[in-house]
Amino acid sequence: DVSCLSTDVSVGEIKDLARSLMDSLERCDPVVSETLVQKIAPHVHDTWKKEMTHLTAAVRNYQFEDAKKYMARLMEKTGGWK
């Protein structure tokens, strides 16, 4: 189920970006994390924009634990990013 993704992106690309983002959040790397969030955000379906907004804010505020929670929620909603 990839219902939270826009149709104009390959699921493989998003999986790779999502994995990279989780890795950068684990390393508490603000620059890479913010770059990856910016790459993922346009491809997330409008239904899940609230989660993306929270994820973006958490990364910008260096709240990496919170950001991981929001990213995990998005990953759960797709069922296929892991």
PDB file of N, CA and C in Angstrom:
ATOM      1  N   ASP A   1       0.855  -1.188   0.000  1.00  0.00           N
ATOM      2  CA  ASP A   1       0.000   0.000   0.000  1.00  0.00           C
ATOM      3  C   ASP A   1       0.891   1.238   0.000  1.00  0.00           C
ATOM      4  N   VAL A   2       0.774   2.034  -1.010  1.00  0.00           N
ATOM      5  CA  VAL A   2       1.560   3.264  -1.106  1.00  0.00           C
ATOM      6  C   VAL A   2       0.628   4.463  -1.176  1.00  0.00           C
ATOM      7  N   SER A   3      -0.473   4.393  -0.450  1.00  0.00           N
ATOM      8  CA  SER A   3      -1.525   5.398  -0.550  1.00  0.00           C
ATOM      9  C   SER A   3      -1.103   6.784  -0.090  1.00  0.00           C
ATOM     10  N   CYS A   4      -0.020   6.915   0.638  1.00  0.00           N
ATOM     11  CA  CYS A   4       0.371   8.256   1.067  1.00  0.00           C
ATOM     12  C   CYS A   4       1.336   8.901   0.080  1.00  0.00           C
ATOM     13  N   LEU A   5       1.660   8.198  -1.003  1.00  0.00           N
ATOM     14  CA  LEU A   5       2.566   8.753  -2.002  1.00  0.00           C
ATOM     15  C   LEU A   5       1.806   9.302  -3.195  1.00  0.00           C
ATOM     16  N   SER A   6       2.328  10.357  -3.779  1.00  0.00           N
ATOM     17  CA  SER A   6       1.807  10.849  -5.043  1.00  0.00           C
ATOM     18  C   SER A   6       2.150   9.818  -6.108  1.00  0.00           C
ATOM     19  N   THR A   7       1.472   9.870  -7.207  1.00  0.00           N
ATOM     20  CA  THR A   7       1.694   8.864  -8.243  1.00  0.00           C
ATOM     21  C   THR A   7       2.875   9.189  -9.159  1.00  0.00           C
ATOM     22  N   ASP A   8       3.474  10.355  -9.010  1.00  0.00           N
ATOM     23  CA  ASP A   8       4.527  10.780  -9.936  1.00  0.00           C
ATOM     24  C   ASP A   8       5.935  10.411  -9.473  1.00  0.00           C
ATOM     25  N   VAL A   9       6.041   9.460  -8.582  1.00  0.00           N
ATOM     26  CA  VAL A   9       7.352   9.090  -8.054  1.00  0.00           C
ATOM     27  C   VAL A   9       7.420   7.575  -7.940  1.00  0.00           C
ATOM     28  N   SER A  10       8.602   7.020  -8.161  1.00  0.00           N
ATOM     29  CA  SER A  10       8.718   5.575  -8.028  1.00  0.00           C
ATOM     30  C   SER A  10       8.823   5.203  -6.554  1.00  0.00           C
ATOM     31  N   VAL A  11       8.175   4.117  -6.208  1.00  0.00           N
ATOM     32  CA  VAL A  11       8.191   3.642  -4.828  1.00  0.00           C
ATOM     33  C   VAL A  11       9.623   3.321  -4.410  1.00  0.00           C
ATOM     34  N   GLY A  12      10.410   2.784  -5.329  1.00  0.00           N
ATOM     35  CA  GLY A  12      11.805   2.469  -5.023  1.00  0.00           C
ATOM     36  C   GLY A  12      12.596   3.695  -4.621  1.00  0.00           C
ATOM     37  N   GLU A  13      12.366   4.799  -5.325  1.00  0.00           N
ATOM     38  CA  GLU A  13      13.058   6.049  -4.993  1.00  0.00           C
ATOM     39  C   GLU A  13      12.683   6.524  -3.594  1.00  0.00           C
ATOM     40  N   ILE A  14      11.395   6.474  -3.288  1.00  0.00           N
ATOM     41  CA  ILE A  14      10.935   6.919  -1.976  1.00  0.00           C
ATOM     42  C   ILE A  14      11.471   6.008  -0.883  1.00  0.00           C
ATOM     43  N   LYS A  15      11.497   4.703  -1.135  1.00  0.00           N
ATOM     44  CA  LYS A  15      12.055   3.772  -0.143  1.00  0.00           C
ATOM     45  C   LYS A  15      13.503   4.130   0.159  1.00  0.00           C
ATOM     46  N   ASP A  16      14.263   4.394  -0.888  1.00  0.00           N
ATOM     47  CA  ASP A  16      15.675   4.754  -0.706  1.00  0.00           C
ATOM     48  C   ASP A  16      15.816   6.058   0.078  1.00  0.00           C
ATOM     49  N   LEU A  17      15.012   7.050  -0.273  1.00  0.00           N
ATOM     50  CA  LEU A  17      15.058   8.328   0.441  1.00  0.00           C
ATOM     51  C   LEU A  17      14.635   8.152   1.897  1.00  0.00           C
ATOM     52  N   ALA A  18      13.595   7.349   2.128  1.00  0.00           N
ATOM     53  CA  ALA A  18      13.108   7.122   3.490  1.00  0.00           C
ATOM     54  C   ALA A  18      14.169   6.430   4.342  1.00  0.00           C
ATOM     55  N   ARG A  19      14.814   5.420   3.778  1.00  0.00           N
ATOM     56  CA  ARG A  19      15.883   4.728   4.516  1.00  0.00           C
ATOM     57  C   ARG A  19      17.029   5.685   4.819  1.00  0.00           C
ATOM     58  N   SER A  20      17.402   6.474   3.837  1.00  0.00           N
ATOM     59  CA  SER A  20      18.483   7.443   4.037  1.00  0.00           C
ATOM     60  C   SER A  20      18.112   8.460   5.108  1.00  0.00           C
ATOM     61  N   LEU A  21      16.853   8.899   5.096  1.00  0.00           N
ATOM     62  CA  LEU A  21      16.408   9.860   6.104  1.00  0.00           C
ATOM     63  C   LEU A  21      16.459   9.247   7.495  1.00  0.00           C
ATOM     64  N   MET A  22      15.981   8.021   7.639  1.00  0.00           N
ATOM     65  CA  MET A  22      16.029   7.375   8.958  1.00  0.00           C
ATOM     66  C   MET A  22      17.482   7.240   9.428  1.00  0.00           C
ATOM     67  N   ASP A  23      18.384   6.900   8.516  1.00  0.00           N
ATOM     68  CA  ASP A  23      19.804   6.802   8.868  1.00  0.00           C
ATOM     69  C   ASP A  23      20.351   8.152   9.318  1.00  0.00           C
ATOM     70  N   SER A  24      20.011   9.213   8.603  1.00  0.00           N
ATOM     71  CA  SER A  24      20.524  10.536   8.972  1.00  0.00           C
ATOM     72  C   SER A  24      19.924  11.012  10.289  1.00  0.00           C
ATOM     73  N   LEU A  25      18.670  10.634  10.570  1.00  0.00           N
ATOM     74  CA  LEU A  25      18.064  10.976  11.861  1.00  0.00           C
ATOM     75  C   LEU A  25      18.756  10.222  12.993  1.00  0.00           C
ATOM     76  N   GLU A  26      19.114   8.971  12.740  1.00  0.00           N
ATOM     77  CA  GLU A  26      19.852   8.184  13.739  1.00  0.00           C
ATOM     78  C   GLU A  26      21.189   8.849  14.058  1.00  0.00           C
ATOM     79  N   ARG A  27      21.820   9.433  13.038  1.00  0.00           N
ATOM     80  CA  ARG A  27      23.117  10.094  13.215  1.00  0.00           C
ATOM     81  C   ARG A  27      22.960  11.537  13.691  1.00  0.00           C
ATOM     82  N   CYS A  28      21.708  11.999  13.809  1.00  0.00           N
ATOM     83  CA  CYS A  28      21.423  13.389  14.206  1.00  0.00           C
ATOM     84  C   CYS A  28      22.118  14.379  13.279  1.00  0.00           C
ATOM     85  N   ASP A  29      22.025  14.115  11.992  1.00  0.00           N
ATOM     86  CA  ASP A  29      22.645  14.964  10.979  1.00  0.00           C
ATOM     87  C   ASP A  29      21.600  15.937  10.430  1.00  0.00           C
ATOM     88  N   PRO A  30      21.629  17.197  10.876  1.00  0.00           N
ATOM     89  CA  PRO A  30      20.578  18.133  10.479  1.00  0.00           C
ATOM     90  C   PRO A  30      20.607  18.510   9.000  1.00  0.00           C
ATOM     91  N   VAL A  31      21.775  18.624   8.412  1.00  0.00           N
ATOM     92  CA  VAL A  31      21.872  19.063   7.021  1.00  0.00           C
ATOM     93  C   VAL A  31      21.317  17.995   6.076  1.00  0.00           C
ATOM     94  N   VAL A  32      21.793  16.771   6.234  1.00  0.00           N
ATOM     95  CA  VAL A  32      21.322  15.681   5.375  1.00  0.00           C
ATOM     96  C   VAL A  32      19.841  15.415   5.622  1.00  0.00           C
ATOM     97  N   SER A  33      19.429  15.435   6.891  1.00  0.00           N
ATOM     98  CA  SER A  33      18.024  15.177   7.221  1.00  0.00           C
ATOM     99  C   SER A  33      17.104  16.197   6.560  1.00  0.00           C
ATOM    100  N   GLU A  34      17.454  17.463   6.655  1.00  0.00           N
ATOM    101  CA  GLU A  34      16.600  18.498   6.063  1.00  0.00           C
ATOM    102  C   GLU A  34      16.562  18.380   4.544  1.00  0.00           C
ATOM    103  N   THR A  35      17.690  18.068   3.945  1.00  0.00           N
ATOM    104  CA  THR A  35      17.737  17.884   2.495  1.00  0.00           C
ATOM    105  C   THR A  35      16.824  16.742   2.064  1.00  0.00           C
ATOM    106  N   LEU A  36      16.878  15.631   2.798  1.00  0.00           N
ATOM    107  CA  LEU A  36      16.050  14.476   2.451  1.00  0.00           C
ATOM    108  C   LEU A  36      14.566  14.747   2.676  1.00  0.00           C
ATOM    109  N   VAL A  37      14.235  15.452   3.749  1.00  0.00           N
ATOM    110  CA  VAL A  37      12.836  15.821   3.998  1.00  0.00           C
ATOM    111  C   VAL A  37      12.320  16.662   2.832  1.00  0.00           C
ATOM    112  N   GLN A  38      13.140  17.595   2.360  1.00  0.00           N
ATOM    113  CA  GLN A  38      12.735  18.447   1.236  1.00  0.00           C
ATOM    114  C   GLN A  38      12.537  17.637  -0.042  1.00  0.00           C
ATOM    115  N   LYS A  39      13.313  16.565  -0.199  1.00  0.00           N
ATOM    116  CA  LYS A  39      13.162  15.717  -1.383  1.00  0.00           C
ATOM    117  C   LYS A  39      11.908  14.846  -1.296  1.00  0.00           C
ATOM    118  N   ILE A  40      11.574  14.398  -0.088  1.00  0.00           N
ATOM    119  CA  ILE A  40      10.426  13.512   0.102  1.00  0.00           C
ATOM    120  C   ILE A  40       9.108  14.282   0.097  1.00  0.00           C
ATOM    121  N   ALA A  41       9.082  15.446   0.718  1.00  0.00           N
ATOM    122  CA  ALA A  41       7.836  16.195   0.948  1.00  0.00           C
ATOM    123  C   ALA A  41       6.949  16.377  -0.289  1.00  0.00           C
ATOM    124  N   PRO A  42       7.494  16.750  -1.441  1.00  0.00           N
ATOM    125  CA  PRO A  42       6.609  16.968  -2.594  1.00  0.00           C
ATOM    126  C   PRO A  42       5.901  15.702  -3.078  1.00  0.00           C
ATOM    127  N   HIS A  43       6.398  14.548  -2.669  1.00  0.00           N
ATOM    128  CA  HIS A  43       5.852  13.285  -3.154  1.00  0.00           C
ATOM    129  C   HIS A  43       4.856  12.648  -2.194  1.00  0.00           C
ATOM    130  N   VAL A  44       4.627  13.285  -1.062  1.00  0.00           N
ATOM    131  CA  VAL A  44       3.695  12.742  -0.079  1.00  0.00           C
ATOM    132  C   VAL A  44       2.298  13.271  -0.387  1.00  0.00           C
ATOM    133  N   HIS A  45       1.353  12.365  -0.424  1.00  0.00           N
ATOM    134  CA  HIS A  45      -0.041  12.711  -0.737  1.00  0.00           C
ATOM    135  C   HIS A  45      -0.568  13.743   0.249  1.00  0.00           C
ATOM    136  N   ASP A  46      -1.460  14.601  -0.203  1.00  0.00           N
ATOM    137  CA  ASP A  46      -2.019  15.675   0.623  1.00  0.00           C
ATOM    138  C   ASP A  46      -2.617  15.176   1.938  1.00  0.00           C
ATOM    139  N   THR A  47      -3.148  13.973   1.932  1.00  0.00           N
ATOM    140  CA  THR A  47      -3.756  13.401   3.136  1.00  0.00           C
ATOM    141  C   THR A  47      -2.765  13.345   4.293  1.00  0.00           C
ATOM    142  N   TRP A  48      -1.495  13.183   3.977  1.00  0.00           N
ATOM    143  CA  TRP A  48      -0.469  13.004   5.017  1.00  0.00           C
ATOM    144  C   TRP A  48       0.415  14.234   5.185  1.00  0.00           C
ATOM    145  N   LYS A  49      -0.028  15.383   4.683  1.00  0.00           N
ATOM    146  CA  LYS A  49       0.770  16.612   4.798  1.00  0.00           C
ATOM    147  C   LYS A  49       0.985  17.024   6.253  1.00  0.00           C
ATOM    148  N   LYS A  50       0.015  16.712   7.127  1.00  0.00           N
ATOM    149  CA  LYS A  50       0.165  17.063   8.545  1.00  0.00           C
ATOM    150  C   LYS A  50       1.392  16.364   9.130  1.00  0.00           C
ATOM    151  N   GLU A  51       1.538  15.070   8.837  1.00  0.00           N
ATOM    152  CA  GLU A  51       2.709  14.337   9.313  1.00  0.00           C
ATOM    153  C   GLU A  51       3.991  14.916   8.731  1.00  0.00           C
ATOM    154  N   MET A  52       3.956  15.298   7.440  1.00  0.00           N
ATOM    155  CA  MET A  52       5.142  15.890   6.808  1.00  0.00           C
ATOM    156  C   MET A  52       5.485  17.222   7.449  1.00  0.00           C
ATOM    157  N   THR A  53       4.473  18.011   7.792  1.00  0.00           N
ATOM    158  CA  THR A  53       4.707  19.304   8.440  1.00  0.00           C
ATOM    159  C   THR A  53       5.378  19.103   9.789  1.00  0.00           C
ATOM    160  N   HIS A  54       4.887  18.137  10.555  1.00  0.00           N
ATOM    161  CA  HIS A  54       5.493  17.844  11.860  1.00  0.00           C
ATOM    162  C   HIS A  54       6.921  17.317  11.697  1.00  0.00           C
ATOM    163  N   LEU A  55       7.123  16.452  10.722  1.00  0.00           N
ATOM    164  CA  LEU A  55       8.456  15.904  10.458  1.00  0.00           C
ATOM    165  C   LEU A  55       9.423  17.025  10.088  1.00  0.00           C
ATOM    166  N   THR A  56       9.010  17.897   9.199  1.00  0.00           N
ATOM    167  CA  THR A  56       9.854  19.017   8.771  1.00  0.00           C
ATOM    168  C   THR A  56      10.213  19.918   9.945  1.00  0.00           C
ATOM    169  N   ALA A  57       9.226  20.249  10.763  1.00  0.00           N
ATOM    170  CA  ALA A  57       9.477  21.112  11.925  1.00  0.00           C
ATOM    171  C   ALA A  57      10.424  20.446  12.912  1.00  0.00           C
ATOM    172  N   ALA A  58      10.247  19.160  13.142  1.00  0.00           N
ATOM    173  CA  ALA A  58      11.112  18.447  14.083  1.00  0.00           C
ATOM    174  C   ALA A  58      12.560  18.452  13.599  1.00  0.00           C
ATOM    175  N   VAL A  59      12.768  18.219  12.309  1.00  0.00           N
ATOM    176  CA  VAL A  59      14.132  18.225  11.758  1.00  0.00           C
ATOM    177  C   VAL A  59      14.739  19.618  11.876  1.00  0.00           C
ATOM    178  N   ARG A  60      13.978  20.634  11.537  1.00  0.00           N
ATOM    179  CA  ARG A  60      14.494  22.010  11.600  1.00  0.00           C
ATOM    180  C   ARG A  60      14.836  22.432  13.024  1.00  0.00           C
ATOM    181  N   ASN A  61      14.149  21.853  13.998  1.00  0.00           N
ATOM    182  CA  ASN A  61      14.395  22.186  15.404  1.00  0.00           C
ATOM    183  C   ASN A  61      15.329  21.189  16.088  1.00  0.00           C
ATOM    184  N   TYR A  62      15.989  20.358  15.286  1.00  0.00           N
ATOM    185  CA  TYR A  62      16.951  19.376  15.796  1.00  0.00           C
ATOM    186  C   TYR A  62      16.322  18.403  16.791  1.00  0.00           C
ATOM    187  N   GLN A  63      15.045  18.123  16.639  1.00  0.00           N
ATOM    188  CA  GLN A  63      14.334  17.168  17.492  1.00  0.00           C
ATOM    189  C   GLN A  63      14.298  15.826  16.763  1.00  0.00           C
ATOM    190  N   PHE A  64      15.451  15.161  16.748  1.00  0.00           N
ATOM    191  CA  PHE A  64      15.605  13.969  15.932  1.00  0.00           C
ATOM    192  C   PHE A  64      14.760  12.794  16.408  1.00  0.00           C
ATOM    193  N   GLU A  65      14.561  12.660  17.709  1.00  0.00           N
ATOM    194  CA  GLU A  65      13.712  11.575  18.212  1.00  0.00           C
ATOM    195  C   GLU A  65      12.276  11.770  17.747  1.00  0.00           C
ATOM    196  N   ASP A  66      11.778  12.994  17.830  1.00  0.00           N
ATOM    197  CA  ASP A  66      10.426  13.284  17.344  1.00  0.00           C
ATOM    198  C   ASP A  66      10.344  13.059  15.832  1.00  0.00           C
ATOM    199  N   ALA A  67      11.363  13.493  15.120  1.00  0.00           N
ATOM    200  CA  ALA A  67      11.376  13.324  13.667  1.00  0.00           C
ATOM    201  C   ALA A  67      11.316  11.847  13.295  1.00  0.00           C
ATOM    202  N   LYS A  68      12.037  11.011  14.034  1.00  0.00           N
ATOM    203  CA  LYS A  68      12.002   9.569  13.760  1.00  0.00           C
ATOM    204  C   LYS A  68      10.597   9.019  13.965  1.00  0.00           C
ATOM    205  N   LYS A  69       9.888   9.511  14.977  1.00  0.00           N
ATOM    206  CA  LYS A  69       8.516   9.049  15.223  1.00  0.00           C
ATOM    207  C   LYS A  69       7.602   9.424  14.063  1.00  0.00           C
ATOM    208  N   TYR A  70       7.707  10.660  13.593  1.00  0.00           N
ATOM    209  CA  TYR A  70       6.868  11.090  12.472  1.00  0.00           C
ATOM    210  C   TYR A  70       7.208  10.313  11.200  1.00  0.00           C
ATOM    211  N   MET A  71       8.491  10.088  10.974  1.00  0.00           N
ATOM    212  CA  MET A  71       8.895   9.331   9.793  1.00  0.00           C
ATOM    213  C   MET A  71       8.398   7.897   9.895  1.00  0.00           C
ATOM    214  N   ALA A  72       8.477   7.316  11.082  1.00  0.00           N
ATOM    215  CA  ALA A  72       7.985   5.951  11.277  1.00  0.00           C
ATOM    216  C   ALA A  72       6.488   5.870  10.978  1.00  0.00           C
ATOM    217  N   ARG A  73       5.728   6.892  11.386  1.00  0.00           N
ATOM    218  CA  ARG A  73       4.283   6.915  11.091  1.00  0.00           C
ATOM    219  C   ARG A  73       4.032   6.923   9.586  1.00  0.00           C
ATOM    220  N   LEU A  74       4.780   7.758   8.880  1.00  0.00           N
ATOM    221  CA  LEU A  74       4.618   7.798   7.425  1.00  0.00           C
ATOM    222  C   LEU A  74       4.987   6.457   6.804  1.00  0.00           C
ATOM    223  N   MET A  75       6.037   5.848   7.306  1.00  0.00           N
ATOM    224  CA  MET A  75       6.468   4.561   6.782  1.00  0.00           C
ATOM    225  C   MET A  75       5.412   3.492   7.056  1.00  0.00           C
ATOM    226  N   GLU A  76       4.802   3.530   8.237  1.00  0.00           N
ATOM    227  CA  GLU A  76       3.748   2.572   8.571  1.00  0.00           C
ATOM    228  C   GLU A  76       2.549   2.742   7.652  1.00  0.00           C
ATOM    229  N   LYS A  77       2.217   3.971   7.337  1.00  0.00           N
ATOM    230  CA  LYS A  77       1.048   4.243   6.502  1.00  0.00           C
ATOM    231  C   LYS A  77       1.224   3.680   5.091  1.00  0.00           C
ATOM    232  N   THR A  78       2.442   3.624   4.614  1.00  0.00           N
ATOM    233  CA  THR A  78       2.671   3.069   3.283  1.00  0.00           C
ATOM    234  C   THR A  78       2.800   1.562   3.344  1.00  0.00           C
ATOM    235  N   GLY A  79       3.310   1.055   4.457  1.00  0.00           N
ATOM    236  CA  GLY A  79       3.505  -0.377   4.578  1.00  0.00           C
ATOM    237  C   GLY A  79       4.629  -0.913   3.714  1.00  0.00           C
ATOM    238  N   GLY A  80       5.212  -0.073   2.905  1.00  0.00           N
ATOM    239  CA  GLY A  80       6.207  -0.578   1.978  1.00  0.00           C
ATOM    240  C   GLY A  80       7.523   0.157   1.965  1.00  0.00           C
ATOM    241  N   TRP A  81       7.709   1.130   2.836  1.00  0.00           N
ATOM    242  CA  TRP A  81       8.964   1.885   2.818  1.00  0.00           C
ATOM    243  C   TRP A  81      10.076   1.174   3.547  1.00  0.00           C
ATOM    244  N   LYS A  82       9.733   0.240   4.411  1.00  0.00           N
ATOM    245  CA  LYS A  82      10.753  -0.356   5.289  1.00  0.00           C
ATOM    246  C   LYS A  82      11.670  -1.285   4.535  1.00  0.00           C
TER     247      LYS A  82
END
